[in-house]
């Protein structure tokens, strides 16, 4: 993402990408990204960096498209250089079993 920009990215796959910095995605200074139903694997940069590279003053969130009362089984975490966890490869949303629920939109649990 360009400096001080904002984006919502939905239903996207970053697989086997390479770049000078940030294998799948590079977030410039002041950027904000919302990543929904992301799939990421085997991305790298010239220096062995992660799937998602954050310059340090950007912000990103990762979620699924699940609605309240649904969940998704995520199969991993995107590699990032930030403190954020970014669940990836979550597959479709399923209804929560009877007697349980999640009231968060985009829940991964």
PDB file of N, CA and C in Angstrom:
ATOM      1  N   UNK A   1       0.829  -1.179   0.000  1.00  0.00           N
ATOM      2  CA  UNK A   1       0.000   0.000   0.000  1.00  0.00           C
ATOM      3  C   UNK A   1       0.872   1.240   0.000  1.00  0.00           C
ATOM      4  N   UNK A   2       0.434   2.260  -0.689  1.00  0.00           N
ATOM      5  CA  UNK A   2       1.152   3.524  -0.753  1.00  0.00           C
ATOM      6  C   UNK A   2       1.134   4.221   0.604  1.00  0.00           C
ATOM      7  N   UNK A   3       2.043   5.144   0.784  1.00  0.00           N
ATOM      8  CA  UNK A   3       2.126   5.887   2.038  1.00  0.00           C
ATOM      9  C   UNK A   3       0.808   6.578   2.361  1.00  0.00           C
ATOM     10  N   UNK A   4       0.384   6.450   3.614  1.00  0.00           N
ATOM     11  CA  UNK A   4      -0.836   7.071   4.146  1.00  0.00           C
ATOM     12  C   UNK A   4      -2.098   6.698   3.370  1.00  0.00           C
ATOM     13  N   UNK A   5      -2.151   5.492   2.835  1.00  0.00           N
ATOM     14  CA  UNK A   5      -3.349   5.045   2.119  1.00  0.00           C
ATOM     15  C   UNK A   5      -4.102   4.034   2.964  1.00  0.00           C
ATOM     16  N   UNK A   6      -5.318   3.700   2.508  1.00  0.00           N
ATOM     17  CA  UNK A   6      -6.170   2.773   3.215  1.00  0.00           C
ATOM     18  C   UNK A   6      -6.800   1.823   2.201  1.00  0.00           C
ATOM     19  N   UNK A   7      -6.916   0.541   2.571  1.00  0.00           N
ATOM     20  CA  UNK A   7      -7.515  -0.427   1.651  1.00  0.00           C
ATOM     21  C   UNK A   7      -8.157  -1.562   2.421  1.00  0.00           C
ATOM     22  N   UNK A   8      -9.211  -2.116   1.835  1.00  0.00           N
ATOM     23  CA  UNK A   8      -9.811  -3.357   2.302  1.00  0.00           C
ATOM     24  C   UNK A   8      -9.585  -4.371   1.194  1.00  0.00           C
ATOM     25  N   UNK A   9      -8.954  -5.480   1.533  1.00  0.00           N
ATOM     26  CA  UNK A   9      -8.633  -6.528   0.567  1.00  0.00           C
ATOM     27  C   UNK A   9      -9.403  -7.767   0.984  1.00  0.00           C
ATOM     28  N   UNK A  10     -10.221  -8.304   0.087  1.00  0.00           N
ATOM     29  CA  UNK A  10     -11.099  -9.414   0.438  1.00  0.00           C
ATOM     30  C   UNK A  10     -10.935 -10.569  -0.541  1.00  0.00           C
ATOM     31  N   UNK A  11     -10.875 -11.797   0.009  1.00  0.00           N
ATOM     32  CA  UNK A  11     -10.837 -13.004  -0.813  1.00  0.00           C
ATOM     33  C   UNK A  11      -9.631 -13.079  -1.727  1.00  0.00           C
ATOM     34  N   UNK A  12      -8.463 -12.712  -1.228  1.00  0.00           N
ATOM     35  CA  UNK A  12      -7.257 -12.639  -2.048  1.00  0.00           C
ATOM     36  C   UNK A  12      -6.239 -13.676  -1.603  1.00  0.00           C
ATOM     37  N   UNK A  13      -5.485 -14.195  -2.573  1.00  0.00           N
ATOM     38  CA  UNK A  13      -4.444 -15.170  -2.299  1.00  0.00           C
ATOM     39  C   UNK A  13      -3.089 -14.614  -2.721  1.00  0.00           C
ATOM     40  N   UNK A  14      -2.138 -14.639  -1.806  1.00  0.00           N
ATOM     41  CA  UNK A  14      -0.752 -14.280  -2.093  1.00  0.00           C
ATOM     42  C   UNK A  14       0.060 -15.560  -1.924  1.00  0.00           C
ATOM     43  N   UNK A  15       0.476 -16.157  -3.028  1.00  0.00           N
ATOM     44  CA  UNK A  15       1.175 -17.433  -2.985  1.00  0.00           C
ATOM     45  C   UNK A  15       2.424 -17.375  -3.860  1.00  0.00           C
ATOM     46  N   UNK A  16       3.549 -17.739  -3.269  1.00  0.00           N
ATOM     47  CA  UNK A  16       4.846 -17.791  -3.965  1.00  0.00           C
ATOM     48  C   UNK A  16       5.217 -16.468  -4.617  1.00  0.00           C
ATOM     49  N   UNK A  17       4.941 -15.363  -3.919  1.00  0.00           N
ATOM     50  CA  UNK A  17       5.324 -14.038  -4.406  1.00  0.00           C
ATOM     51  C   UNK A  17       6.719 -13.698  -3.889  1.00  0.00           C
ATOM     52  N   UNK A  18       7.433 -12.851  -4.614  1.00  0.00           N
ATOM     53  CA  UNK A  18       8.725 -12.372  -4.141  1.00  0.00           C
ATOM     54  C   UNK A  18       8.874 -10.901  -4.510  1.00  0.00           C
ATOM     55  N   UNK A  19       9.627 -10.189  -3.706  1.00  0.00           N
ATOM     56  CA  UNK A  19       9.845  -8.758  -3.921  1.00  0.00           C
ATOM     57  C   UNK A  19      11.106  -8.345  -3.177  1.00  0.00           C
ATOM     58  N   UNK A  20      11.521  -7.105  -3.358  1.00  0.00           N
ATOM     59  CA  UNK A  20      12.674  -6.611  -2.619  1.00  0.00           C
ATOM     60  C   UNK A  20      12.371  -6.544  -1.125  1.00  0.00           C
ATOM     61  N   UNK A  21      11.163  -6.093  -0.770  1.00  0.00           N
ATOM     62  CA  UNK A  21      10.728  -6.029   0.628  1.00  0.00           C
ATOM     63  C   UNK A  21       9.296  -6.519   0.710  1.00  0.00           C
ATOM     64  N   UNK A  22       9.011  -7.348   1.689  1.00  0.00           N
ATOM     65  CA  UNK A  22       7.645  -7.842   1.889  1.00  0.00           C
ATOM     66  C   UNK A  22       7.218  -8.753   0.766  1.00  0.00           C
ATOM     67  N   UNK A  23       7.321 -10.042   0.955  1.00  0.00           N
ATOM     68  CA  UNK A  23       7.031 -10.997  -0.104  1.00  0.00           C
ATOM     69  C   UNK A  23       5.666 -10.865  -0.730  1.00  0.00           C
ATOM     70  N   UNK A  24       4.592 -10.874   0.070  1.00  0.00           N
ATOM     71  CA  UNK A  24       3.249 -10.773  -0.475  1.00  0.00           C
ATOM     72  C   UNK A  24       2.713  -9.361  -0.460  1.00  0.00           C
ATOM     73  N   UNK A  25       3.006  -8.616   0.596  1.00  0.00           N
ATOM     74  CA  UNK A  25       2.432  -7.282   0.762  1.00  0.00           C
ATOM     75  C   UNK A  25       3.397  -6.412   1.562  1.00  0.00           C
ATOM     76  N   UNK A  26       3.532  -5.164   1.133  1.00  0.00           N
ATOM     77  CA  UNK A  26       4.384  -4.191   1.810  1.00  0.00           C
ATOM     78  C   UNK A  26       3.525  -2.996   2.197  1.00  0.00           C
ATOM     79  N   UNK A  27       3.423  -2.712   3.485  1.00  0.00           N
ATOM     80  CA  UNK A  27       2.616  -1.606   3.978  1.00  0.00           C
ATOM     81  C   UNK A  27       3.523  -0.422   4.298  1.00  0.00           C
ATOM     82  N   UNK A  28       3.369   0.657   3.522  1.00  0.00           N
ATOM     83  CA  UNK A  28       4.178   1.853   3.719  1.00  0.00           C
ATOM     84  C   UNK A  28       3.703   2.652   4.922  1.00  0.00           C
ATOM     85  N   UNK A  29       4.498   3.608   5.293  1.00  0.00           N
ATOM     86  CA  UNK A  29       4.257   4.486   6.429  1.00  0.00           C
ATOM     87  C   UNK A  29       2.839   5.056   6.449  1.00  0.00           C
ATOM     88  N   UNK A  30       2.144   4.861   7.561  1.00  0.00           N
ATOM     89  CA  UNK A  30       0.816   5.428   7.746  1.00  0.00           C
ATOM     90  C   UNK A  30      -0.309   4.700   7.032  1.00  0.00           C
ATOM     91  N   UNK A  31      -0.037   3.544   6.445  1.00  0.00           N
ATOM     92  CA  UNK A  31      -1.067   2.780   5.730  1.00  0.00           C
ATOM     93  C   UNK A  31      -1.964   2.041   6.706  1.00  0.00           C
ATOM     94  N   UNK A  32      -3.192   1.785   6.266  1.00  0.00           N
ATOM     95  CA  UNK A  32      -4.133   0.979   7.030  1.00  0.00           C
ATOM     96  C   UNK A  32      -4.729  -0.056   6.089  1.00  0.00           C
ATOM     97  N   UNK A  33      -4.694  -1.331   6.476  1.00  0.00           N
ATOM     98  CA  UNK A  33      -5.241  -2.397   5.628  1.00  0.00           C
ATOM     99  C   UNK A  33      -6.133  -3.312   6.448  1.00  0.00           C
ATOM    100  N   UNK A  34      -7.262  -3.671   5.872  1.00  0.00           N
ATOM    101  CA  UNK A  34      -8.149  -4.676   6.435  1.00  0.00           C
ATOM    102  C   UNK A  34      -8.122  -5.850   5.470  1.00  0.00           C
ATOM    103  N   UNK A  35      -7.672  -6.994   5.947  1.00  0.00           N
ATOM    104  CA  UNK A  35      -7.488  -8.180   5.101  1.00  0.00           C
ATOM    105  C   UNK A  35      -8.528  -9.224   5.492  1.00  0.00           C
ATOM    106  N   UNK A  36      -9.456  -9.527   4.574  1.00  0.00           N
ATOM    107  CA  UNK A  36     -10.567 -10.435   4.856  1.00  0.00           C
ATOM    108  C   UNK A  36     -10.426 -11.678   3.997  1.00  0.00           C
ATOM    109  N   UNK A  37     -10.524 -12.856   4.614  1.00  0.00           N
ATOM    110  CA  UNK A  37     -10.423 -14.143   3.911  1.00  0.00           C
ATOM    111  C   UNK A  37      -9.136 -14.230   3.092  1.00  0.00           C
ATOM    112  N   UNK A  38      -8.028 -13.919   3.736  1.00  0.00           N
ATOM    113  CA  UNK A  38      -6.712 -13.912   3.098  1.00  0.00           C
ATOM    114  C   UNK A  38      -6.115 -15.315   3.060  1.00  0.00           C
ATOM    115  N   UNK A  39      -5.447 -15.618   1.969  1.00  0.00           N
ATOM    116  CA  UNK A  39      -4.651 -16.832   1.858  1.00  0.00           C
ATOM    117  C   UNK A  39      -3.231 -16.389   1.527  1.00  0.00           C
ATOM    118  N   UNK A  40      -2.252 -16.849   2.293  1.00  0.00           N
ATOM    119  CA  UNK A  40      -0.857 -16.458   2.068  1.00  0.00           C
ATOM    120  C   UNK A  40       0.056 -17.619   2.421  1.00  0.00           C
ATOM    121  N   UNK A  41       0.977 -17.922   1.504  1.00  0.00           N
ATOM    122  CA  UNK A  41       1.983 -18.945   1.796  1.00  0.00           C
ATOM    123  C   UNK A  41       3.146 -18.838   0.829  1.00  0.00           C
ATOM    124  N   UNK A  42       4.318 -19.217   1.312  1.00  0.00           N
ATOM    125  CA  UNK A  42       5.547 -19.286   0.515  1.00  0.00           C
ATOM    126  C   UNK A  42       5.933 -17.963  -0.138  1.00  0.00           C
ATOM    127  N   UNK A  43       5.652 -16.841   0.526  1.00  0.00           N
ATOM    128  CA  UNK A  43       6.078 -15.537   0.026  1.00  0.00           C
ATOM    129  C   UNK A  43       7.388 -15.159   0.707  1.00  0.00           C
ATOM    130  N   UNK A  44       8.231 -14.426   0.016  1.00  0.00           N
ATOM    131  CA  UNK A  44       9.499 -14.011   0.603  1.00  0.00           C
ATOM    132  C   UNK A  44      10.030 -12.774  -0.114  1.00  0.00           C
ATOM    133  N   UNK A  45      10.903 -12.077   0.578  1.00  0.00           N
ATOM    134  CA  UNK A  45      11.560 -10.957  -0.070  1.00  0.00           C
ATOM    135  C   UNK A  45      13.052 -11.269  -0.196  1.00  0.00           C
ATOM    136  N   UNK A  46      13.779 -10.361  -0.792  1.00  0.00           N
ATOM    137  CA  UNK A  46      15.205 -10.546  -1.056  1.00  0.00           C
ATOM    138  C   UNK A  46      15.979 -10.889   0.211  1.00  0.00           C
ATOM    139  N   UNK A  47      15.521 -10.386   1.348  1.00  0.00           N
ATOM    140  CA  UNK A  47      16.231 -10.562   2.605  1.00  0.00           C
ATOM    141  C   UNK A  47      15.607 -11.629   3.497  1.00  0.00           C
ATOM    142  N   UNK A  48      14.717 -12.462   2.939  1.00  0.00           N
ATOM    143  CA  UNK A  48      14.094 -13.527   3.723  1.00  0.00           C
ATOM    144  C   UNK A  48      12.939 -13.041   4.564  1.00  0.00           C
ATOM    145  N   UNK A  49      12.362 -11.899   4.211  1.00  0.00           N
ATOM    146  CA  UNK A  49      11.271 -11.291   4.971  1.00  0.00           C
ATOM    147  C   UNK A  49       9.960 -12.039   4.825  1.00  0.00           C
ATOM    148  N   UNK A  50       8.936 -11.559   5.493  1.00  0.00           N
ATOM    149  CA  UNK A  50       7.677 -12.273   5.651  1.00  0.00           C
ATOM    150  C   UNK A  50       6.653 -12.069   4.533  1.00  0.00           C
ATOM    151  N   UNK A  51       5.487 -12.731   4.691  1.00  0.00           N
ATOM    152  CA  UNK A  51       4.351 -12.559   3.787  1.00  0.00           C
ATOM    153  C   UNK A  51       3.870 -11.105   3.777  1.00  0.00           C
ATOM    154  N   UNK A  52       3.791 -10.495   4.961  1.00  0.00           N
ATOM    155  CA  UNK A  52       3.321  -9.121   5.109  1.00  0.00           C
ATOM    156  C   UNK A  52       4.390  -8.329   5.846  1.00  0.00           C
ATOM    157  N   UNK A  53       4.864  -7.268   5.203  1.00  0.00           N
ATOM    158  CA  UNK A  53       5.884  -6.413   5.818  1.00  0.00           C
ATOM    159  C   UNK A  53       5.279  -5.067   6.171  1.00  0.00           C
ATOM    160  N   UNK A  54       5.438  -4.671   7.415  1.00  0.00           N
ATOM    161  CA  UNK A  54       4.916  -3.404   7.931  1.00  0.00           C
ATOM    162  C   UNK A  54       6.108  -2.518   8.276  1.00  0.00           C
ATOM    163  N   UNK A  55       6.138  -1.287   7.743  1.00  0.00           N
ATOM    164  CA  UNK A  55       7.265  -0.385   8.003  1.00  0.00           C
ATOM    165  C   UNK A  55       7.360   0.051   9.458  1.00  0.00           C
ATOM    166  N   UNK A  56       6.359  -0.278  10.260  1.00  0.00           N
ATOM    167  CA  UNK A  56       6.412   0.009  11.688  1.00  0.00           C
ATOM    168  C   UNK A  56       5.393   1.030  12.147  1.00  0.00           C
ATOM    169  N   UNK A  57       4.903   1.846  11.244  1.00  0.00           N
ATOM    170  CA  UNK A  57       3.887   2.813  11.641  1.00  0.00           C
ATOM    171  C   UNK A  57       2.642   2.669  10.775  1.00  0.00           C
ATOM    172  N   UNK A  58       2.423   1.447  10.322  1.00  0.00           N
ATOM    173  CA  UNK A  58       1.214   1.103   9.586  1.00  0.00           C
ATOM    174  C   UNK A  58       0.357   0.225  10.486  1.00  0.00           C
ATOM    175  N   UNK A  59      -0.859  -0.044  10.054  1.00  0.00           N
ATOM    176  CA  UNK A  59      -1.771  -0.852  10.863  1.00  0.00           C
ATOM    177  C   UNK A  59      -2.562  -1.766   9.941  1.00  0.00           C
ATOM    178  N   UNK A  60      -2.625  -3.046  10.289  1.00  0.00           N
ATOM    179  CA  UNK A  60      -3.467  -3.956   9.519  1.00  0.00           C
ATOM    180  C   UNK A  60      -4.205  -4.909  10.440  1.00  0.00           C
ATOM    181  N   UNK A  61      -5.378  -5.340   9.990  1.00  0.00           N
ATOM    182  CA  UNK A  61      -6.158  -6.328  10.705  1.00  0.00           C
ATOM    183  C   UNK A  61      -6.510  -7.444   9.740  1.00  0.00           C
ATOM    184  N   UNK A  62      -6.684  -8.617  10.262  1.00  0.00           N
ATOM    185  CA  UNK A  62      -7.066  -9.775   9.466  1.00  0.00           C
ATOM    186  C   UNK A  62      -8.329 -10.386  10.065  1.00  0.00           C
ATOM    187  N   UNK A  63      -9.258 -10.794   9.203  1.00  0.00           N
ATOM    188  CA  UNK A  63     -10.521 -11.363   9.673  1.00  0.00           C
ATOM    189  C   UNK A  63     -11.090 -12.290   8.606  1.00  0.00           C
ATOM    190  N   UNK A  64     -12.162 -12.956   8.962  1.00  0.00           N
ATOM    191  CA  UNK A  64     -12.913 -13.753   7.993  1.00  0.00           C
ATOM    192  C   UNK A  64     -14.218 -13.025   7.694  1.00  0.00           C
ATOM    193  N   UNK A  65     -14.949 -13.520   6.733  1.00  0.00           N
ATOM    194  CA  UNK A  65     -16.239 -12.919   6.398  1.00  0.00           C
ATOM    195  C   UNK A  65     -17.375 -13.539   7.216  1.00  0.00           C
ATOM    196  N   UNK A  66     -17.027 -14.315   8.234  1.00  0.00           N
ATOM    197  CA  UNK A  66     -18.041 -14.957   9.071  1.00  0.00           C
ATOM    198  C   UNK A  66     -18.880 -13.913   9.815  1.00  0.00           C
ATOM    199  N   UNK A  67     -20.145 -14.212   9.928  1.00  0.00           N
ATOM    200  CA  UNK A  67     -21.067 -13.348  10.655  1.00  0.00           C
ATOM    201  C   UNK A  67     -21.230 -13.884  12.078  1.00  0.00           C
ATOM    202  N   UNK A  68     -21.825 -13.101  12.977  1.00  0.00           N
ATOM    203  CA  UNK A  68     -22.055 -13.609  14.336  1.00  0.00           C
ATOM    204  C   UNK A  68     -22.805 -14.948  14.295  1.00  0.00           C
ATOM    205  N   UNK A  69     -22.343 -15.906  15.117  1.00  0.00           N
ATOM    206  CA  UNK A  69     -22.937 -17.237  15.135  1.00  0.00           C
ATOM    207  C   UNK A  69     -22.244 -18.197  14.190  1.00  0.00           C
ATOM    208  N   UNK A  70     -21.164 -17.746  13.529  1.00  0.00           N
ATOM    209  CA  UNK A  70     -20.391 -18.589  12.622  1.00  0.00           C
ATOM    210  C   UNK A  70     -18.918 -18.557  13.018  1.00  0.00           C
ATOM    211  N   UNK A  71     -18.174 -19.538  12.517  1.00  0.00           N
ATOM    212  CA  UNK A  71     -16.727 -19.594  12.739  1.00  0.00           C
ATOM    213  C   UNK A  71     -16.070 -20.177  11.507  1.00  0.00           C
ATOM    214  N   UNK A  72     -14.751 -20.097  11.478  1.00  0.00           N
ATOM    215  CA  UNK A  72     -13.986 -20.638  10.366  1.00  0.00           C
ATOM    216  C   UNK A  72     -12.758 -21.345  10.913  1.00  0.00           C
ATOM    217  N   UNK A  73     -12.342 -22.441  10.287  1.00  0.00           N
ATOM    218  CA  UNK A  73     -11.147 -23.171  10.698  1.00  0.00           C
ATOM    219  C   UNK A  73      -9.946 -22.664   9.916  1.00  0.00           C
ATOM    220  N   UNK A  74      -9.143 -21.826  10.538  1.00  0.00           N
ATOM    221  CA  UNK A  74      -7.962 -21.285   9.878  1.00  0.00           C
ATOM    222  C   UNK A  74      -6.821 -22.285   9.969  1.00  0.00           C
ATOM    223  N   UNK A  75      -6.056 -22.381   8.885  1.00  0.00           N
ATOM    224  CA  UNK A  75      -4.992 -23.377   8.813  1.00  0.00           C
ATOM    225  C   UNK A  75      -3.603 -22.819   9.051  1.00  0.00           C
ATOM    226  N   UNK A  76      -3.508 -21.575   9.459  1.00  0.00           N
ATOM    227  CA  UNK A  76      -2.183 -21.043   9.730  1.00  0.00           C
ATOM    228  C   UNK A  76      -2.188 -19.550   9.955  1.00  0.00           C
ATOM    229  N   UNK A  77      -0.991 -19.019  10.140  1.00  0.00           N
ATOM    230  CA  UNK A  77      -0.782 -17.591  10.312  1.00  0.00           C
ATOM    231  C   UNK A  77       0.132 -17.097   9.198  1.00  0.00           C
ATOM    232  N   UNK A  78      -0.186 -15.920   8.658  1.00  0.00           N
ATOM    233  CA  UNK A  78       0.732 -15.299   7.708  1.00  0.00           C
ATOM    234  C   UNK A  78       1.970 -14.872   8.488  1.00  0.00           C
ATOM    235  N   UNK A  79       3.115 -14.955   7.882  1.00  0.00           N
ATOM    236  CA  UNK A  79       4.331 -14.475   8.507  1.00  0.00           C
ATOM    237  C   UNK A  79       4.362 -12.958   8.388  1.00  0.00           C
ATOM    238  N   UNK A  80       4.563 -12.275   9.511  1.00  0.00           N
ATOM    239  CA  UNK A  80       4.639 -10.815   9.516  1.00  0.00           C
ATOM    240  C   UNK A  80       5.840 -10.388  10.339  1.00  0.00           C
ATOM    241  N   UNK A  81       6.254  -9.157  10.163  1.00  0.00           N
ATOM    242  CA  UNK A  81       7.302  -8.608  11.022  1.00  0.00           C
ATOM    243  C   UNK A  81       6.691  -7.772  12.135  1.00  0.00           C
ATOM    244  N   UNK A  82       5.366  -7.769  12.220  1.00  0.00           N
ATOM    245  CA  UNK A  82       4.640  -6.972  13.212  1.00  0.00           C
ATOM    246  C   UNK A  82       4.144  -7.870  14.343  1.00  0.00           C
ATOM    247  N   UNK A  83       3.605  -7.241  15.360  1.00  0.00           N
ATOM    248  CA  UNK A  83       3.089  -7.985  16.504  1.00  0.00           C
ATOM    249  C   UNK A  83       1.696  -8.548  16.246  1.00  0.00           C
ATOM    250  N   UNK A  84       1.096  -8.213  15.103  1.00  0.00           N
ATOM    251  CA  UNK A  84      -0.253  -8.671  14.793  1.00  0.00           C
ATOM    252  C   UNK A  84      -0.259 -10.120  14.343  1.00  0.00           C
ATOM    253  N   UNK A  85      -1.284 -10.868  14.738  1.00  0.00           N
ATOM    254  CA  UNK A  85      -1.505 -12.204  14.195  1.00  0.00           C
ATOM    255  C   UNK A  85      -2.460 -12.082  13.027  1.00  0.00           C
ATOM    256  N   UNK A  86      -2.150 -12.764  11.960  1.00  0.00           N
ATOM    257  CA  UNK A  86      -2.989 -12.705  10.767  1.00  0.00           C
ATOM    258  C   UNK A  86      -3.323 -14.135  10.345  1.00  0.00           C
ATOM    259  N   UNK A  87      -4.518 -14.596  10.715  1.00  0.00           N
ATOM    260  CA  UNK A  87      -4.953 -15.941  10.355  1.00  0.00           C
ATOM    261  C   UNK A  87      -5.221 -16.015   8.858  1.00  0.00           C
ATOM    262  N   UNK A  88      -4.792 -17.107   8.238  1.00  0.00           N
ATOM    263  CA  UNK A  88      -4.954 -17.277   6.787  1.00  0.00           C
ATOM    264  C   UNK A  88      -5.505 -18.658   6.453  1.00  0.00           C
ATOM    265  N   UNK A  89      -5.941 -18.805   5.212  1.00  0.00           N
ATOM    266  CA  UNK A  89      -6.442 -20.077   4.690  1.00  0.00           C
ATOM    267  C   UNK A  89      -7.536 -20.632   5.589  1.00  0.00           C
ATOM    268  N   UNK A  90      -8.551 -19.808   5.828  1.00  0.00           N
ATOM    269  CA  UNK A  90      -9.589 -20.160   6.793  1.00  0.00           C
ATOM    270  C   UNK A  90     -10.732 -20.981   6.211  1.00  0.00           C
ATOM    271  N   UNK A  91     -10.898 -20.976   4.921  1.00  0.00           N
ATOM    272  CA  UNK A  91     -11.995 -21.727   4.322  1.00  0.00           C
ATOM    273  C   UNK A  91     -13.336 -21.071   4.588  1.00  0.00           C
ATOM    274  N   UNK A  92     -14.388 -21.788   4.327  1.00  0.00           N
ATOM    275  CA  UNK A  92     -15.740 -21.247   4.477  1.00  0.00           C
ATOM    276  C   UNK A  92     -16.180 -21.122   5.917  1.00  0.00           C
ATOM    277  N   UNK A  93     -17.212 -20.340   6.110  1.00  0.00           N
ATOM    278  CA  UNK A  93     -17.793 -20.145   7.439  1.00  0.00           C
ATOM    279  C   UNK A  93     -18.771 -21.279   7.745  1.00  0.00           C
ATOM    280  N   UNK A  94     -18.784 -21.682   9.013  1.00  0.00           N
ATOM    281  CA  UNK A  94     -19.704 -22.728   9.473  1.00  0.00           C
ATOM    282  C   UNK A  94     -20.512 -22.183  10.635  1.00  0.00           C
ATOM    283  N   UNK A  95     -21.708 -22.691  10.809  1.00  0.00           N
ATOM    284  CA  UNK A  95     -22.512 -22.301  11.962  1.00  0.00           C
ATOM    285  C   UNK A  95     -21.897 -22.872  13.228  1.00  0.00           C
ATOM    286  N   UNK A  96     -21.922 -22.100  14.301  1.00  0.00           N
ATOM    287  CA  UNK A  96     -21.423 -22.579  15.581  1.00  0.00           C
ATOM    288  C   UNK A  96     -22.313 -23.722  16.067  1.00  0.00           C
ATOM    289  N   UNK A  97     -21.731 -24.723  16.750  1.00  0.00           N
ATOM    290  CA  UNK A  97     -22.531 -25.813  17.297  1.00  0.00           C
ATOM    291  C   UNK A  97     -23.566 -25.287  18.295  1.00  0.00           C
ATOM    292  N   UNK A  98     -24.639 -26.021  18.447  1.00  0.00           N
ATOM    293  CA  UNK A  98     -25.696 -25.642  19.389  1.00  0.00           C
ATOM    294  C   UNK A  98     -25.100 -25.410  20.776  1.00  0.00           C
ATOM    295  N   UNK A  99     -25.536 -24.352  21.432  1.00  0.00           N
ATOM    296  CA  UNK A  99     -25.061 -24.041  22.772  1.00  0.00           C
ATOM    297  C   UNK A  99     -23.796 -23.215  22.814  1.00  0.00           C
ATOM    298  N   UNK A 100     -23.230 -22.928  21.647  1.00  0.00           N
ATOM    299  CA  UNK A 100     -22.021 -22.086  21.596  1.00  0.00           C
ATOM    300  C   UNK A 100     -22.267 -21.023  20.538  1.00  0.00           C
ATOM    301  N   UNK A 101     -21.536 -19.945  20.619  1.00  0.00           N
ATOM    302  CA  UNK A 101     -21.615 -18.938  19.574  1.00  0.00           C
ATOM    303  C   UNK A 101     -20.458 -17.963  19.708  1.00  0.00           C
ATOM    304  N   UNK A 102     -20.253 -17.219  18.663  1.00  0.00           N
ATOM    305  CA  UNK A 102     -19.288 -16.137  18.660  1.00  0.00           C
ATOM    306  C   UNK A 102     -20.033 -14.898  18.215  1.00  0.00           C
ATOM    307  N   UNK A 103     -19.960 -13.840  18.989  1.00  0.00           N
ATOM    308  CA  UNK A 103     -20.698 -12.632  18.630  1.00  0.00           C
ATOM    309  C   UNK A 103     -19.827 -11.609  17.908  1.00  0.00           C
ATOM    310  N   UNK A 104     -18.637 -12.025  17.452  1.00  0.00           N
ATOM    311  CA  UNK A 104     -17.731 -11.122  16.743  1.00  0.00           C
ATOM    312  C   UNK A 104     -17.811 -11.354  15.244  1.00  0.00           C
ATOM    313  N   UNK A 105     -17.983 -10.272  14.493  1.00  0.00           N
ATOM    314  CA  UNK A 105     -17.905 -10.357  13.038  1.00  0.00           C
ATOM    315  C   UNK A 105     -16.464 -10.636  12.672  1.00  0.00           C
ATOM    316  N   UNK A 106     -16.218 -11.586  11.746  1.00  0.00           N
ATOM    317  CA  UNK A 106     -14.868 -11.923  11.332  1.00  0.00           C
ATOM    318  C   UNK A 106     -14.147 -12.851  12.273  1.00  0.00           C
ATOM    319  N   UNK A 107     -14.859 -13.508  13.155  1.00  0.00           N
ATOM    320  CA  UNK A 107     -14.262 -14.376  14.162  1.00  0.00           C
ATOM    321  C   UNK A 107     -13.532 -15.550  13.524  1.00  0.00           C
ATOM    322  N   UNK A 108     -12.420 -15.927  14.138  1.00  0.00           N
ATOM    323  CA  UNK A 108     -11.683 -17.113  13.724  1.00  0.00           C
ATOM    324  C   UNK A 108     -11.765 -18.204  14.772  1.00  0.00           C
ATOM    325  N   UNK A 109     -12.521 -17.969  15.866  1.00  0.00           N
ATOM    326  CA  UNK A 109     -12.669 -18.990  16.916  1.00  0.00           C
ATOM    327  C   UNK A 109     -14.119 -19.137  17.298  1.00  0.00           C
TER     328      UNK A 109
END
